[in-house]
Amino acid sequence: MSQCSLARSEHLVDLLQRWRHSLVELDLAWNVIADPDMLDDALEALAGNPSHSVLETLNLSGTGVSSRGIRSVMAGCPKIESLNLTSCRVLPRGMKRLHKDKDLHQLRKEILK
């Protein structure tokens, strides 16, 4: 779903709610999203049931994701191994990078405190 225009939030929210139990990898990089809160809402829907989450890789590069969306992913997707936040314009500088291994563990620790 990378680089597509997502104009209506309910479509993405519904899609992620419906398939969150089987999504292992999700690429939402460089999407043009009309509603600034839509991506965060969609990530909350994706992370809504941590015991059933199988998500391992999430690419949000170049999106308008905020700390609220990242917090949802860190809390609700316990199996995540790779989180790409490069060029995310809303996030603070130190967070805008590819997070894996120890770096991902540190991000989870910091954002969930």
PDB file of N, CA and C in Angstrom:
ATOM      1  N   MET A   1       0.808  -1.182   0.000  1.00  0.00           N
ATOM      2  CA  MET A   1       0.000   0.000   0.000  1.00  0.00           C
ATOM      3  C   MET A   1       0.859   1.258   0.000  1.00  0.00           C
ATOM      4  N   SER A   2       2.115   1.097  -0.292  1.00  0.00           N
ATOM      5  CA  SER A   2       3.031   2.220  -0.302  1.00  0.00           C
ATOM      6  C   SER A   2       2.702   3.189  -1.436  1.00  0.00           C
ATOM      7  N   GLN A   3       2.855   4.476  -1.143  1.00  0.00           N
ATOM      8  CA  GLN A   3       2.695   5.561  -2.098  1.00  0.00           C
ATOM      9  C   GLN A   3       1.315   5.625  -2.735  1.00  0.00           C
ATOM     10  N   CYS A   4       0.282   5.329  -1.989  1.00  0.00           N
ATOM     11  CA  CYS A   4      -1.066   5.492  -2.532  1.00  0.00           C
ATOM     12  C   CYS A   4      -1.753   6.623  -1.792  1.00  0.00           C
ATOM     13  N   SER A   5      -2.777   7.159  -2.377  1.00  0.00           N
ATOM     14  CA  SER A   5      -3.512   8.250  -1.763  1.00  0.00           C
ATOM     15  C   SER A   5      -4.662   7.683  -0.942  1.00  0.00           C
ATOM     16  N   LEU A   6      -4.583   7.855   0.351  1.00  0.00           N
ATOM     17  CA  LEU A   6      -5.606   7.338   1.253  1.00  0.00           C
ATOM     18  C   LEU A   6      -6.457   8.506   1.734  1.00  0.00           C
ATOM     19  N   ALA A   7      -7.539   8.773   1.039  1.00  0.00           N
ATOM     20  CA  ALA A   7      -8.341   9.951   1.329  1.00  0.00           C
ATOM     21  C   ALA A   7      -9.365   9.732   2.443  1.00  0.00           C
ATOM     22  N   ARG A   8      -9.802   8.504   2.669  1.00  0.00           N
ATOM     23  CA  ARG A   8     -10.847   8.248   3.660  1.00  0.00           C
ATOM     24  C   ARG A   8     -10.329   7.337   4.758  1.00  0.00           C
ATOM     25  N   SER A   9     -10.348   7.849   5.967  1.00  0.00           N
ATOM     26  CA  SER A   9      -9.777   7.127   7.097  1.00  0.00           C
ATOM     27  C   SER A   9     -10.470   5.813   7.391  1.00  0.00           C
ATOM     28  N   GLU A  10     -11.775   5.773   7.247  1.00  0.00           N
ATOM     29  CA  GLU A  10     -12.475   4.541   7.616  1.00  0.00           C
ATOM     30  C   GLU A  10     -12.067   3.352   6.756  1.00  0.00           C
ATOM     31  N   HIS A  11     -11.633   3.592   5.539  1.00  0.00           N
ATOM     32  CA  HIS A  11     -11.202   2.482   4.686  1.00  0.00           C
ATOM     33  C   HIS A  11      -9.940   1.818   5.233  1.00  0.00           C
ATOM     34  N   LEU A  12      -8.966   2.610   5.602  1.00  0.00           N
ATOM     35  CA  LEU A  12      -7.727   2.059   6.140  1.00  0.00           C
ATOM     36  C   LEU A  12      -7.964   1.441   7.515  1.00  0.00           C
ATOM     37  N   VAL A  13      -8.732   2.111   8.352  1.00  0.00           N
ATOM     38  CA  VAL A  13      -9.039   1.571   9.674  1.00  0.00           C
ATOM     39  C   VAL A  13      -9.738   0.223   9.540  1.00  0.00           C
ATOM     40  N   ASP A  14     -10.758   0.154   8.690  1.00  0.00           N
ATOM     41  CA  ASP A  14     -11.487  -1.106   8.478  1.00  0.00           C
ATOM     42  C   ASP A  14     -10.583  -2.200   7.938  1.00  0.00           C
ATOM     43  N   LEU A  15      -9.743  -1.844   6.982  1.00  0.00           N
ATOM     44  CA  LEU A  15      -8.833  -2.815   6.375  1.00  0.00           C
ATOM     45  C   LEU A  15      -7.877  -3.397   7.416  1.00  0.00           C
ATOM     46  N   LEU A  16      -7.288  -2.540   8.235  1.00  0.00           N
ATOM     47  CA  LEU A  16      -6.330  -3.011   9.237  1.00  0.00           C
ATOM     48  C   LEU A  16      -7.020  -3.787  10.359  1.00  0.00           C
ATOM     49  N   GLN A  17      -8.232  -3.387  10.733  1.00  0.00           N
ATOM     50  CA  GLN A  17      -8.976  -4.158  11.728  1.00  0.00           C
ATOM     51  C   GLN A  17      -9.294  -5.553  11.205  1.00  0.00           C
ATOM     52  N   ARG A  18      -9.673  -5.616   9.957  1.00  0.00           N
ATOM     53  CA  ARG A  18     -10.077  -6.895   9.366  1.00  0.00           C
ATOM     54  C   ARG A  18      -8.907  -7.859   9.207  1.00  0.00           C
ATOM     55  N   TRP A  19      -7.733  -7.347   8.874  1.00  0.00           N
ATOM     56  CA  TRP A  19      -6.599  -8.219   8.548  1.00  0.00           C
ATOM     57  C   TRP A  19      -5.482  -8.219   9.579  1.00  0.00           C
ATOM     58  N   ARG A  20      -5.654  -7.531  10.706  1.00  0.00           N
ATOM     59  CA  ARG A  20      -4.578  -7.424  11.693  1.00  0.00           C
ATOM     60  C   ARG A  20      -4.120  -8.776  12.235  1.00  0.00           C
ATOM     61  N   HIS A  21      -4.973  -9.752  12.248  1.00  0.00           N
ATOM     62  CA  HIS A  21      -4.616 -11.076  12.775  1.00  0.00           C
ATOM     63  C   HIS A  21      -3.660 -11.835  11.852  1.00  0.00           C
ATOM     64  N   SER A  22      -3.545 -11.408  10.574  1.00  0.00           N
ATOM     65  CA  SER A  22      -2.694 -12.142   9.643  1.00  0.00           C
ATOM     66  C   SER A  22      -1.618 -11.287   8.963  1.00  0.00           C
ATOM     67  N   LEU A  23      -1.574  -9.998   9.258  1.00  0.00           N
ATOM     68  CA  LEU A  23      -0.552  -9.138   8.651  1.00  0.00           C
ATOM     69  C   LEU A  23       0.798  -9.363   9.319  1.00  0.00           C
ATOM     70  N   VAL A  24       1.760  -9.808   8.534  1.00  0.00           N
ATOM     71  CA  VAL A  24       3.117 -10.021   9.031  1.00  0.00           C
ATOM     72  C   VAL A  24       3.991  -8.831   8.636  1.00  0.00           C
ATOM     73  N   GLU A  25       3.735  -8.280   7.475  1.00  0.00           N
ATOM     74  CA  GLU A  25       4.498  -7.141   6.976  1.00  0.00           C
ATOM     75  C   GLU A  25       3.527  -6.132   6.387  1.00  0.00           C
ATOM     76  N   LEU A  26       3.727  -4.847   6.717  1.00  0.00           N
ATOM     77  CA  LEU A  26       2.863  -3.786   6.217  1.00  0.00           C
ATOM     78  C   LEU A  26       3.714  -2.597   5.818  1.00  0.00           C
ATOM     79  N   ASP A  27       3.541  -2.150   4.578  1.00  0.00           N
ATOM     80  CA  ASP A  27       4.277  -1.007   4.047  1.00  0.00           C
ATOM     81  C   ASP A  27       3.286   0.108   3.723  1.00  0.00           C
ATOM     82  N   LEU A  28       3.300   1.151   4.529  1.00  0.00           N
ATOM     83  CA  LEU A  28       2.442   2.319   4.308  1.00  0.00           C
ATOM     84  C   LEU A  28       3.274   3.545   3.950  1.00  0.00           C
ATOM     85  N   ALA A  29       4.509   3.328   3.538  1.00  0.00           N
ATOM     86  CA  ALA A  29       5.452   4.417   3.278  1.00  0.00           C
ATOM     87  C   ALA A  29       4.938   5.383   2.210  1.00  0.00           C
ATOM     88  N   TRP A  30       5.237   6.653   2.456  1.00  0.00           N
ATOM     89  CA  TRP A  30       5.012   7.751   1.518  1.00  0.00           C
ATOM     90  C   TRP A  30       3.557   7.901   1.075  1.00  0.00           C
ATOM     91  N   ASN A  31       2.638   7.569   1.949  1.00  0.00           N
ATOM     92  CA  ASN A  31       1.227   7.772   1.638  1.00  0.00           C
ATOM     93  C   ASN A  31       0.826   9.221   1.861  1.00  0.00           C
ATOM     94  N   VAL A  32      -0.018   9.718   0.968  1.00  0.00           N
ATOM     95  CA  VAL A  32      -0.603  11.045   1.099  1.00  0.00           C
ATOM     96  C   VAL A  32      -1.941  10.843   1.806  1.00  0.00           C
ATOM     97  N   ILE A  33      -2.027  11.311   3.024  1.00  0.00           N
ATOM     98  CA  ILE A  33      -3.210  11.079   3.839  1.00  0.00           C
ATOM     99  C   ILE A  33      -3.851  12.418   4.188  1.00  0.00           C
ATOM    100  N   ALA A  34      -5.118  12.549   3.831  1.00  0.00           N
ATOM    101  CA  ALA A  34      -5.826  13.822   3.986  1.00  0.00           C
ATOM    102  C   ALA A  34      -6.031  14.212   5.449  1.00  0.00           C
ATOM    103  N   ASP A  35      -6.451  13.291   6.273  1.00  0.00           N
ATOM    104  CA  ASP A  35      -6.744  13.556   7.682  1.00  0.00           C
ATOM    105  C   ASP A  35      -5.496  13.282   8.517  1.00  0.00           C
ATOM    106  N   PRO A  36      -4.980  14.282   9.235  1.00  0.00           N
ATOM    107  CA  PRO A  36      -3.734  14.087   9.987  1.00  0.00           C
ATOM    108  C   PRO A  36      -3.816  13.022  11.087  1.00  0.00           C
ATOM    109  N   ASP A  37      -5.006  12.757  11.615  1.00  0.00           N
ATOM    110  CA  ASP A  37      -5.154  11.753  12.670  1.00  0.00           C
ATOM    111  C   ASP A  37      -5.437  10.354  12.126  1.00  0.00           C
ATOM    112  N   MET A  38      -5.698  10.249  10.835  1.00  0.00           N
ATOM    113  CA  MET A  38      -6.127   8.984  10.253  1.00  0.00           C
ATOM    114  C   MET A  38      -5.107   7.864  10.433  1.00  0.00           C
ATOM    115  N   LEU A  39      -3.860   8.146  10.183  1.00  0.00           N
ATOM    116  CA  LEU A  39      -2.845   7.104  10.288  1.00  0.00           C
ATOM    117  C   LEU A  39      -2.727   6.610  11.732  1.00  0.00           C
ATOM    118  N   ASP A  40      -2.762   7.519  12.680  1.00  0.00           N
ATOM    119  CA  ASP A  40      -2.711   7.117  14.085  1.00  0.00           C
ATOM    120  C   ASP A  40      -3.923   6.265  14.452  1.00  0.00           C
ATOM    121  N   ASP A  41      -5.104   6.652  13.972  1.00  0.00           N
ATOM    122  CA  ASP A  41      -6.319   5.867  14.216  1.00  0.00           C
ATOM    123  C   ASP A  41      -6.189   4.462  13.613  1.00  0.00           C
ATOM    124  N   ALA A  42      -5.639   4.397  12.412  1.00  0.00           N
ATOM    125  CA  ALA A  42      -5.462   3.104  11.742  1.00  0.00           C
ATOM    126  C   ALA A  42      -4.463   2.225  12.496  1.00  0.00           C
ATOM    127  N   LEU A  43      -3.398   2.829  13.011  1.00  0.00           N
ATOM    128  CA  LEU A  43      -2.418   2.056  13.775  1.00  0.00           C
ATOM    129  C   LEU A  43      -3.001   1.575  15.099  1.00  0.00           C
ATOM    130  N   GLU A  44      -3.865   2.357  15.700  1.00  0.00           N
ATOM    131  CA  GLU A  44      -4.560   1.902  16.907  1.00  0.00           C
ATOM    132  C   GLU A  44      -5.441   0.694  16.592  1.00  0.00           C
ATOM    133  N   ALA A  45      -6.108   0.732  15.434  1.00  0.00           N
ATOM    134  CA  ALA A  45      -6.931  -0.408  15.014  1.00  0.00           C
ATOM    135  C   ALA A  45      -6.060  -1.632  14.752  1.00  0.00           C
ATOM    136  N   LEU A  46      -4.915  -1.431  14.126  1.00  0.00           N
ATOM    137  CA  LEU A  46      -3.989  -2.519  13.835  1.00  0.00           C
ATOM    138  C   LEU A  46      -3.496  -3.182  15.120  1.00  0.00           C
ATOM    139  N   ALA A  47      -3.247  -2.383  16.128  1.00  0.00           N
ATOM    140  CA  ALA A  47      -2.660  -2.875  17.379  1.00  0.00           C
ATOM    141  C   ALA A  47      -3.714  -3.217  18.430  1.00  0.00           C
ATOM    142  N   GLY A  48      -4.948  -3.272  18.040  1.00  0.00           N
ATOM    143  CA  GLY A  48      -6.047  -3.424  18.977  1.00  0.00           C
ATOM    144  C   GLY A  48      -6.122  -4.721  19.756  1.00  0.00           C
ATOM    145  N   ASN A  49      -5.447  -5.752  19.304  1.00  0.00           N
ATOM    146  CA  ASN A  49      -5.522  -7.037  20.003  1.00  0.00           C
ATOM    147  C   ASN A  49      -4.120  -7.661  20.051  1.00  0.00           C
ATOM    148  N   PRO A  50      -3.298  -7.244  21.018  1.00  0.00           N
ATOM    149  CA  PRO A  50      -1.899  -7.697  21.081  1.00  0.00           C
ATOM    150  C   PRO A  50      -1.704  -9.206  21.087  1.00  0.00           C
ATOM    151  N   SER A  51      -2.621  -9.941  21.682  1.00  0.00           N
ATOM    152  CA  SER A  51      -2.437 -11.392  21.760  1.00  0.00           C
ATOM    153  C   SER A  51      -2.584 -12.073  20.397  1.00  0.00           C
ATOM    154  N   HIS A  52      -3.187 -11.383  19.426  1.00  0.00           N
ATOM    155  CA  HIS A  52      -3.357 -11.962  18.096  1.00  0.00           C
ATOM    156  C   HIS A  52      -2.465 -11.329  17.029  1.00  0.00           C
ATOM    157  N   SER A  53      -1.679 -10.337  17.409  1.00  0.00           N
ATOM    158  CA  SER A  53      -0.834  -9.646  16.438  1.00  0.00           C
ATOM    159  C   SER A  53       0.343 -10.520  16.003  1.00  0.00           C
ATOM    160  N   VAL A  54       0.538 -10.606  14.687  1.00  0.00           N
ATOM    161  CA  VAL A  54       1.680 -11.332  14.136  1.00  0.00           C
ATOM    162  C   VAL A  54       2.602 -10.391  13.348  1.00  0.00           C
ATOM    163  N   LEU A  55       2.323  -9.089  13.414  1.00  0.00           N
ATOM    164  CA  LEU A  55       3.084  -8.098  12.662  1.00  0.00           C
ATOM    165  C   LEU A  55       4.543  -8.095  13.077  1.00  0.00           C
ATOM    166  N   GLU A  56       5.437  -8.234  12.091  1.00  0.00           N
ATOM    167  CA  GLU A  56       6.875  -8.239  12.338  1.00  0.00           C
ATOM    168  C   GLU A  56       7.578  -7.041  11.715  1.00  0.00           C
ATOM    169  N   THR A  57       7.061  -6.538  10.588  1.00  0.00           N
ATOM    170  CA  THR A  57       7.716  -5.453   9.874  1.00  0.00           C
ATOM    171  C   THR A  57       6.691  -4.384   9.520  1.00  0.00           C
ATOM    172  N   LEU A  58       7.012  -3.134   9.858  1.00  0.00           N
ATOM    173  CA  LEU A  58       6.120  -2.012   9.555  1.00  0.00           C
ATOM    174  C   LEU A  58       6.957  -0.869   8.991  1.00  0.00           C
ATOM    175  N   ASN A  59       6.604  -0.426   7.795  1.00  0.00           N
ATOM    176  CA  ASN A  59       7.291   0.688   7.149  1.00  0.00           C
ATOM    177  C   ASN A  59       6.347   1.879   7.114  1.00  0.00           C
ATOM    178  N   LEU A  60       6.692   2.916   7.870  1.00  0.00           N
ATOM    179  CA  LEU A  60       5.912   4.154   7.903  1.00  0.00           C
ATOM    180  C   LEU A  60       6.731   5.324   7.379  1.00  0.00           C
ATOM    181  N   SER A  61       7.785   5.043   6.661  1.00  0.00           N
ATOM    182  CA  SER A  61       8.686   6.070   6.152  1.00  0.00           C
ATOM    183  C   SER A  61       7.928   7.137   5.353  1.00  0.00           C
ATOM    184  N   GLY A  62       8.242   8.403   5.643  1.00  0.00           N
ATOM    185  CA  GLY A  62       7.662   9.508   4.895  1.00  0.00           C
ATOM    186  C   GLY A  62       6.203   9.803   5.190  1.00  0.00           C
ATOM    187  N   THR A  63       5.672   9.249   6.260  1.00  0.00           N
ATOM    188  CA  THR A  63       4.269   9.499   6.603  1.00  0.00           C
ATOM    189  C   THR A  63       4.167  10.553   7.707  1.00  0.00           C
ATOM    190  N   GLY A  64       2.941  10.907   8.052  1.00  0.00           N
ATOM    191  CA  GLY A  64       2.690  11.874   9.106  1.00  0.00           C
ATOM    192  C   GLY A  64       2.346  11.219  10.433  1.00  0.00           C
ATOM    193  N   VAL A  65       2.838  10.013  10.656  1.00  0.00           N
ATOM    194  CA  VAL A  65       2.563   9.311  11.909  1.00  0.00           C
ATOM    195  C   VAL A  65       3.080  10.126  13.091  1.00  0.00           C
ATOM    196  N   SER A  66       2.330  10.093  14.183  1.00  0.00           N
ATOM    197  CA  SER A  66       2.755  10.822  15.384  1.00  0.00           C
ATOM    198  C   SER A  66       3.176   9.834  16.467  1.00  0.00           C
ATOM    199  N   SER A  67       3.607  10.360  17.583  1.00  0.00           N
ATOM    200  CA  SER A  67       4.004   9.506  18.710  1.00  0.00           C
ATOM    201  C   SER A  67       2.842   8.652  19.197  1.00  0.00           C
ATOM    202  N   ARG A  68       1.609   9.141  19.067  1.00  0.00           N
ATOM    203  CA  ARG A  68       0.439   8.357  19.466  1.00  0.00           C
ATOM    204  C   ARG A  68       0.351   7.064  18.662  1.00  0.00           C
ATOM    205  N   GLY A  69       0.554   7.142  17.358  1.00  0.00           N
ATOM    206  CA  GLY A  69       0.525   5.952  16.512  1.00  0.00           C
ATOM    207  C   GLY A  69       1.651   4.986  16.826  1.00  0.00           C
ATOM    208  N   ILE A  70       2.835   5.517  17.067  1.00  0.00           N
ATOM    209  CA  ILE A  70       3.990   4.676  17.398  1.00  0.00           C
ATOM    210  C   ILE A  70       3.756   3.996  18.747  1.00  0.00           C
ATOM    211  N   ARG A  71       3.197   4.727  19.701  1.00  0.00           N
ATOM    212  CA  ARG A  71       2.887   4.156  21.009  1.00  0.00           C
ATOM    213  C   ARG A  71       1.911   2.978  20.862  1.00  0.00           C
ATOM    214  N   SER A  72       0.914   3.135  20.015  1.00  0.00           N
ATOM    215  CA  SER A  72      -0.053   2.052  19.776  1.00  0.00           C
ATOM    216  C   SER A  72       0.629   0.820  19.220  1.00  0.00           C
ATOM    217  N   VAL A  73       1.513   1.011  18.250  1.00  0.00           N
ATOM    218  CA  VAL A  73       2.229  -0.110  17.633  1.00  0.00           C
ATOM    219  C   VAL A  73       3.128  -0.801  18.654  1.00  0.00           C
ATOM    220  N   MET A  74       3.847  -0.030  19.435  1.00  0.00           N
ATOM    221  CA  MET A  74       4.759  -0.613  20.422  1.00  0.00           C
ATOM    222  C   MET A  74       3.999  -1.387  21.498  1.00  0.00           C
ATOM    223  N   ALA A  75       2.822  -0.902  21.865  1.00  0.00           N
ATOM    224  CA  ALA A  75       2.030  -1.574  22.897  1.00  0.00           C
ATOM    225  C   ALA A  75       1.255  -2.773  22.347  1.00  0.00           C
ATOM    226  N   GLY A  76       0.815  -2.686  21.103  1.00  0.00           N
ATOM    227  CA  GLY A  76      -0.092  -3.695  20.580  1.00  0.00           C
ATOM    228  C   GLY A  76       0.478  -4.692  19.601  1.00  0.00           C
ATOM    229  N   CYS A  77       1.727  -4.537  19.234  1.00  0.00           N
ATOM    230  CA  CYS A  77       2.358  -5.448  18.268  1.00  0.00           C
ATOM    231  C   CYS A  77       3.648  -5.998  18.878  1.00  0.00           C
ATOM    232  N   PRO A  78       3.528  -6.954  19.791  1.00  0.00           N
ATOM    233  CA  PRO A  78       4.697  -7.432  20.534  1.00  0.00           C
ATOM    234  C   PRO A  78       5.734  -8.187  19.698  1.00  0.00           C
ATOM    235  N   LYS A  79       5.358  -8.653  18.517  1.00  0.00           N
ATOM    236  CA  LYS A  79       6.297  -9.430  17.690  1.00  0.00           C
ATOM    237  C   LYS A  79       7.061  -8.577  16.677  1.00  0.00           C
ATOM    238  N   ILE A  80       6.827  -7.274  16.695  1.00  0.00           N
ATOM    239  CA  ILE A  80       7.471  -6.422  15.693  1.00  0.00           C
ATOM    240  C   ILE A  80       8.992  -6.468  15.841  1.00  0.00           C
ATOM    241  N   GLU A  81       9.665  -6.612  14.700  1.00  0.00           N
ATOM    242  CA  GLU A  81      11.126  -6.715  14.653  1.00  0.00           C
ATOM    243  C   GLU A  81      11.769  -5.557  13.905  1.00  0.00           C
ATOM    244  N   SER A  82      10.982  -4.880  13.062  1.00  0.00           N
ATOM    245  CA  SER A  82      11.518  -3.794  12.251  1.00  0.00           C
ATOM    246  C   SER A  82      10.455  -2.710  12.090  1.00  0.00           C
ATOM    247  N   LEU A  83      10.844  -1.470  12.404  1.00  0.00           N
ATOM    248  CA  LEU A  83       9.942  -0.323  12.293  1.00  0.00           C
ATOM    249  C   LEU A  83      10.700   0.802  11.610  1.00  0.00           C
ATOM    250  N   ASN A  84      10.276   1.154  10.391  1.00  0.00           N
ATOM    251  CA  ASN A  84      10.953   2.191   9.620  1.00  0.00           C
ATOM    252  C   ASN A  84      10.215   3.513   9.792  1.00  0.00           C
ATOM    253  N   LEU A  85      10.887   4.470  10.424  1.00  0.00           N
ATOM    254  CA  LEU A  85      10.320   5.793  10.664  1.00  0.00           C
ATOM    255  C   LEU A  85      11.138   6.895   9.986  1.00  0.00           C
ATOM    256  N   THR A  86      11.924   6.547   8.987  1.00  0.00           N
ATOM    257  CA  THR A  86      12.728   7.554   8.298  1.00  0.00           C
ATOM    258  C   THR A  86      11.819   8.579   7.620  1.00  0.00           C
ATOM    259  N   SER A  87      12.214   9.828   7.692  1.00  0.00           N
ATOM    260  CA  SER A  87      11.511  10.943   7.047  1.00  0.00           C
ATOM    261  C   SER A  87      10.074  11.146   7.515  1.00  0.00           C
ATOM    262  N   CYS A  88       9.753  10.725   8.721  1.00  0.00           N
ATOM    263  CA  CYS A  88       8.421  10.972   9.283  1.00  0.00           C
ATOM    264  C   CYS A  88       8.408  12.389   9.849  1.00  0.00           C
ATOM    265  N   ARG A  89       7.753  13.284   9.172  1.00  0.00           N
ATOM    266  CA  ARG A  89       7.854  14.718   9.440  1.00  0.00           C
ATOM    267  C   ARG A  89       7.348  15.168  10.818  1.00  0.00           C
ATOM    268  N   VAL A  90       6.457  14.444  11.439  1.00  0.00           N
ATOM    269  CA  VAL A  90       5.884  14.862  12.722  1.00  0.00           C
ATOM    270  C   VAL A  90       6.730  14.410  13.917  1.00  0.00           C
ATOM    271  N   LEU A  91       7.485  13.359  13.746  1.00  0.00           N
ATOM    272  CA  LEU A  91       8.256  12.783  14.854  1.00  0.00           C
ATOM    273  C   LEU A  91       9.501  13.609  15.173  1.00  0.00           C
ATOM    274  N   PRO A  92       9.965  13.537  16.412  1.00  0.00           N
ATOM    275  CA  PRO A  92      11.214  14.215  16.761  1.00  0.00           C
ATOM    276  C   PRO A  92      12.412  13.607  16.025  1.00  0.00           C
ATOM    277  N   ARG A  93      13.450  14.377  15.847  1.00  0.00           N
ATOM    278  CA  ARG A  93      14.612  13.962  15.069  1.00  0.00           C
ATOM    279  C   ARG A  93      15.200  12.613  15.439  1.00  0.00           C
ATOM    280  N   GLY A  94      15.424  12.348  16.672  1.00  0.00           N
ATOM    281  CA  GLY A  94      16.071  11.105  17.082  1.00  0.00           C
ATOM    282  C   GLY A  94      15.258   9.851  16.790  1.00  0.00           C
ATOM    283  N   MET A  95      13.985  10.031  16.522  1.00  0.00           N
ATOM    284  CA  MET A  95      13.115   8.890  16.268  1.00  0.00           C
ATOM    285  C   MET A  95      13.025   8.539  14.778  1.00  0.00           C
ATOM    286  N   LYS A  96      13.433   9.430  13.904  1.00  0.00           N
ATOM    287  CA  LYS A  96      13.277   9.274  12.449  1.00  0.00           C
ATOM    288  C   LYS A  96      14.378   8.403  11.861  1.00  0.00           C
ATOM    289  N   ARG A  97      14.236   7.099  12.022  1.00  0.00           N
ATOM    290  CA  ARG A  97      15.218   6.163  11.467  1.00  0.00           C
ATOM    291  C   ARG A  97      14.619   4.762  11.445  1.00  0.00           C
ATOM    292  N   LEU A  98      15.386   3.824  10.946  1.00  0.00           N
ATOM    293  CA  LEU A  98      14.983   2.424  10.951  1.00  0.00           C
ATOM    294  C   LEU A  98      15.320   1.844  12.316  1.00  0.00           C
ATOM    295  N   HIS A  99      14.323   1.275  12.973  1.00  0.00           N
ATOM    296  CA  HIS A  99      14.500   0.697  14.309  1.00  0.00           C
ATOM    297  C   HIS A  99      14.454  -0.825  14.204  1.00  0.00           C
ATOM    298  N   LYS A 100      15.525  -1.460  14.691  1.00  0.00           N
ATOM    299  CA  LYS A 100      15.626  -2.921  14.746  1.00  0.00           C
ATOM    300  C   LYS A 100      16.393  -3.306  16.007  1.00  0.00           C
ATOM    301  N   ASP A 101      16.237  -4.544  16.399  1.00  0.00           N
ATOM    302  CA  ASP A 101      17.022  -5.125  17.491  1.00  0.00           C
ATOM    303  C   ASP A 101      17.029  -4.249  18.744  1.00  0.00           C
ATOM    304  N   LYS A 102      18.210  -3.912  19.249  1.00  0.00           N
ATOM    305  CA  LYS A 102      18.337  -3.134  20.487  1.00  0.00           C
ATOM    306  C   LYS A 102      17.715  -1.751  20.349  1.00  0.00           C
ATOM    307  N   ASP A 103      17.834  -1.169  19.172  1.00  0.00           N
ATOM    308  CA  ASP A 103      17.265   0.153  18.927  1.00  0.00           C
ATOM    309  C   ASP A 103      15.738   0.115  19.047  1.00  0.00           C
ATOM    310  N   LEU A 104      15.114  -0.931  18.534  1.00  0.00           N
ATOM    311  CA  LEU A 104      13.669  -1.097  18.627  1.00  0.00           C
ATOM    312  C   LEU A 104      13.253  -1.333  20.084  1.00  0.00           C
ATOM    313  N   HIS A 105      14.033  -2.137  20.791  1.00  0.00           N
ATOM    314  CA  HIS A 105      13.764  -2.390  22.204  1.00  0.00           C
ATOM    315  C   HIS A 105      13.830  -1.079  23.000  1.00  0.00           C
ATOM    316  N   GLN A 106      14.819  -0.257  22.706  1.00  0.00           N
ATOM    317  CA  GLN A 106      14.976   1.030  23.384  1.00  0.00           C
ATOM    318  C   GLN A 106      13.807   1.965  23.058  1.00  0.00           C
ATOM    319  N   LEU A 107      13.387   1.997  21.796  1.00  0.00           N
ATOM    320  CA  LEU A 107      12.249   2.818  21.413  1.00  0.00           C
ATOM    321  C   LEU A 107      11.007   2.387  22.177  1.00  0.00           C
ATOM    322  N   ARG A 108      10.764   1.093  22.229  1.00  0.00           N
ATOM    323  CA  ARG A 108       9.590   0.563  22.954  1.00  0.00           C
ATOM    324  C   ARG A 108       9.636   0.991  24.430  1.00  0.00           C
ATOM    325  N   LYS A 109      10.794   0.857  25.016  1.00  0.00           N
ATOM    326  CA  LYS A 109      10.975   1.212  26.432  1.00  0.00           C
ATOM    327  C   LYS A 109      10.686   2.708  26.648  1.00  0.00           C
ATOM    328  N   GLU A 110      11.223   3.554  25.781  1.00  0.00           N
ATOM    329  CA  GLU A 110      11.058   4.999  25.931  1.00  0.00           C
ATOM    330  C   GLU A 110       9.625   5.459  25.674  1.00  0.00           C
ATOM    331  N   ILE A 111       9.000   4.938  24.645  1.00  0.00           N
ATOM    332  CA  ILE A 111       7.677   5.438  24.260  1.00  0.00           C
ATOM    333  C   ILE A 111       6.563   4.911  25.145  1.00  0.00           C
ATOM    334  N   LEU A 112       6.800   3.778  25.812  1.00  0.00           N
ATOM    335  CA  LEU A 112       5.765   3.207  26.671  1.00  0.00           C
ATOM    336  C   LEU A 112       5.903   3.595  28.138  1.00  0.00           C
ATOM    337  N   LYS A 113       6.916   4.392  28.459  1.00  0.00           N
ATOM    338  CA  LYS A 113       7.083   4.769  29.882  1.00  0.00           C
ATOM    339  C   LYS A 113       6.050   5.797  30.312  1.00  0.00           C
TER     340      LYS A 113
END
